[in-house]
Structures are given as structure tokens and as C-alpha cells.
Amino acid sequence: MAACAGVSTAPATAAPQVAADDAAADAPVADRRVVFPPSVQQGALVIGKVPAGSRVSHGGRDLRVTGYGTVAFGVARTEDGPVGVEVVRPDGSRETVSIAVTPRDWPIERVNGVPRGTVDPPPAIAARIAREQAAVSEARTRDEARTGFAQHFAWPVEGRISGRFGNQRIYNGTPGSAHSGMDIAASNGTPVRAPASGVVTFADDLYLTGGTVLLDHGHGVSSNFLHLSRMDVAVGDVVEQGQVIGAVGATGRATGPHLHWGMNWFDVRIDPLLVLERR
């Protein structure tokens, strides 16, 4: 959640790497094929195609299917795989898909200079943080028919990657949780744009994450944008890809101006960089 010095970086314009099948676009499949990538990395957003009208489940959850047969689900940072998908076609025939999960290394990131009250907050502040986190979690429970999740995601802001998804964070020498998103260093006030279309489900100033906006892309897939200096959208606003939703800041637990961009599939955290590379 904070800008991190000394972390390996990559430019925002790095060449994309194909991480999944070309089945990402929400377009119809003309036959009975079930198409999923044979393998994915931990933290991936999996996009698959099934015959329109099929019923699909994963991990005990029924997945929403678009009219064109596109489905999505997330793979957790800790998933050791393989993961399974059950498909029942409209004619009643069934197919089980097994997707291998490739493990990743998770380096340690040390973040110093963080205000002590945000690392070890007093009881009253801890209670506030718990309430705020519960409200954010509630905003991630929506399962809408929007199809922004199937778009080719764009960078919300250009800049140096100063913190990577999944890395273990140590704040002022105190171990914290794994980093839940990707930090992009940029100047204070730099416009932040929607990486894909969606609807705003949360917009508020929170203790740890400062200016915070959640954008629901449909089918349980959402983005969160933290530490904003300005929020230009409100709950219920429908935004298009590339629309300005706020500005880079250093609000909340942050050591300098940057955008923390996180993504979820419901409560499963996924890596925005893998989503960008899935082209």
C-alpha cells in the first residue's frame, strides 16, 4: 500500500506477454468447444470460453456466463493447483477442465518511513480500519453481468513499477501482509484512468488507503485504486475505459505519491500485471 524504495522496476510500456488463450474477447464460439488456458500463474485472472447457454462452476461457485459464453475466475496467490472447471453444455453433456498453476517466487519488500500509527494502530484506529475493510469487502461481493472484465486492460497511469503484487511487505521492520496490488510511481495529481469499463461501487477516504475507489468490471472482477489525492467519481457512476476517475496522491499509508492498483475476483486477489499481459 506504500511506495517502496529499492524495488526492481519495469516501465509501464513493457512489451506484453501472452499468458492465456486468445479466448479473452467476449465473442461467440461457433461449436461445442470448451477453451481455457492449459496453465496459469498464481494470481492470474482466467478467461475461458464455453458454448453459449452452458452452466459453469469452479471451486464450488457457479460462474456467470456471458451471452457469448465467456467466463472468468481468479487464481489466488497461494493456490498450488491444479484448478478445476466443470462445464455442462446446453445439451447436457459435461466436460471437466484441469488447469495447471505455475508457482511464483515472492521477494521481500522493506518499506521504511511509514507513520507508526498505520503499522501498529491504537485500538480506536484499529476498529475504524476493521469497519472500513468490511465496507470494501462488501463492495467486492457484487456479481453483475457487465463485460468490462473481458476487455484488453490498459495502464491506469504510466510510471515506474515501485511495488509488485504478492511480495511480502515489512513496514518499519514489522512484517505485514503480502502486497495486494501493483504500485506505480507517478507525480502527485497525475490523472488516473479506468483500465477497463465498469461501475463505481466504492469511493471514500480511508485511514490506511486514503482516497479509495473500487470499480466493478463485471462477473466478480474489480479494480481498486488507492492513495488518490482526488476522486472524480461517485458510487453508481458508470465509467468507460480511459475515463479519468481520480488523481495520483500519497494519502493514507504511503511514503510518496504513487498509484496502488489492485484487482480482485470477489475476495481473491489477482495480479494486475498479469491481466495487462493477457493480450
Foldseek 3Di string as FASTA:
>chain_A
DAFFPPDDKDWQPPAFAAFWDPQLALAADPDQDKGWGQEGEAQAKTKIFGHAPKWKDWPRDTFDAARRGITIDTHFLPDQDFTKMWIQDPVRDIDIHTHGYDHDDAAETEAEPWPPCLVPNDPVLVVQQVVVVVLVLVLLQDAANAAQLSDQFHFQDTAMWRDFFQHWYQYNNRTDHGQQEIKGDDAWFAFGWGRTWFFWSDFDAGQAFGTKTKGDRHRSKIKMKTQFPFAPDDGGDTDGGGHGGGTWHQGHGYDTTIITMWMHRSPGTHYVSNSNSND
